[in-house]
Amino acid sequence: MHYDTTKLIRMAKQMADFFRNQPDRPAAQAVAAHINDNWAPVMRRDFVALIRSGAEADPIVREAADLVRLPATDVA
């Protein structure tokens, strides 16, 4: 991992808390869009790896992880 793992989960949870009550689109989609648009590829990769490895996370964060774009070199 390249980033403090607890920080990635914490940042995603803060986004989930913000978008949870926004009426314009589902929160998980909004969180994923923000991550895709603003996080470096290595951050996105590490975040998805954390979620896939079973890290404790908000349900919205877990759902958003499925929508995060991974760097092309990491796609299996």
Protein backbone atom coordinates (compact mmCIF):
# COMPACT_ATOMS: atom_id res chain seq x y z
CA MET A 1 0.00 0.00 0.00
CA HIS A 2 1.21 3.49 -0.80
CA TYR A 3 -1.15 5.52 1.38
CA ASP A 4 -2.22 5.31 4.99
CA THR A 5 -5.00 2.76 4.65
CA THR A 6 -7.11 4.18 7.45
CA LYS A 7 -6.97 7.59 5.78
CA LEU A 8 -8.35 6.27 2.47
CA ILE A 9 -11.27 4.58 4.20
CA ARG A 10 -11.87 7.63 6.40
CA MET A 11 -11.91 9.98 3.38
CA ALA A 12 -14.34 7.73 1.52
CA LYS A 13 -16.58 7.57 4.62
CA GLN A 14 -16.63 11.36 4.82
CA MET A 15 -17.79 11.46 1.20
CA ALA A 16 -20.44 8.84 1.91
CA ASP A 17 -21.70 10.90 4.86
CA PHE A 18 -21.92 13.98 2.64
CA PHE A 19 -23.59 12.30 -0.35
CA ARG A 20 -25.92 10.10 1.71
CA ASN A 21 -28.59 12.82 1.83
CA GLN A 22 -28.05 14.40 -1.58
CA PRO A 23 -31.11 13.85 -3.78
CA ASP A 24 -29.50 14.11 -7.23
CA ARG A 25 -28.00 10.59 -7.48
CA PRO A 26 -27.28 7.50 -5.39
CA ALA A 27 -24.58 8.13 -2.80
CA ALA A 28 -22.33 5.27 -3.96
CA GLN A 29 -22.29 6.66 -7.50
CA ALA A 30 -21.42 10.13 -6.22
CA VAL A 31 -18.62 8.81 -4.00
CA ALA A 32 -17.16 6.76 -6.85
CA ALA A 33 -17.37 9.72 -9.24
CA HIS A 34 -15.52 11.93 -6.78
CA ILE A 35 -12.84 9.28 -6.24
CA ASN A 36 -12.49 8.67 -9.99
CA ASP A 37 -12.18 12.40 -10.71
CA ASN A 38 -9.92 13.42 -7.83
CA TRP A 39 -7.85 10.54 -6.48
CA ALA A 40 -4.56 9.49 -8.01
CA PRO A 41 -4.54 6.08 -9.69
CA VAL A 42 -2.44 4.57 -6.90
CA MET A 43 -4.94 5.82 -4.32
CA ARG A 44 -7.85 4.28 -6.25
CA ARG A 45 -5.98 0.99 -6.57
CA ASP A 46 -5.09 0.87 -2.88
CA PHE A 47 -8.62 1.83 -1.84
CA VAL A 48 -10.23 -0.93 -3.94
CA ALA A 49 -7.65 -3.43 -2.68
CA LEU A 50 -8.53 -2.50 0.91
CA ILE A 51 -12.23 -3.01 0.35
CA ARG A 52 -11.70 -6.29 -1.52
CA SER A 53 -9.48 -7.56 1.32
CA GLY A 54 -12.35 -7.08 3.77
CA ALA A 55 -11.54 -3.74 5.39
CA GLU A 56 -14.32 -2.47 7.61
CA ALA A 57 -16.25 0.21 5.73
CA ASP A 58 -19.62 1.89 5.41
CA PRO A 59 -21.99 0.07 3.00
CA ILE A 60 -21.98 3.08 0.66
CA VAL A 61 -18.18 3.00 0.58
CA ARG A 62 -18.24 -0.73 -0.22
CA GLU A 63 -20.70 -0.18 -3.07
CA ALA A 64 -18.69 2.77 -4.39
CA ALA A 65 -15.54 0.64 -4.53
CA ASP A 66 -17.20 -1.50 -7.20
CA LEU A 67 -17.61 1.64 -9.36
CA VAL A 68 -14.07 2.98 -8.99
CA ARG A 69 -11.98 2.90 -12.16
CA LEU A 70 -8.67 1.12 -11.69
CA PRO A 71 -5.51 2.06 -13.59
CA ALA A 72 -5.26 0.14 -16.88
CA THR A 73 -2.13 -1.69 -15.75
CA ASP A 74 -4.00 -3.16 -12.77
CA VAL A 75 -6.98 -4.54 -14.64
CA ALA A 76 -6.90 -8.31 -14.61
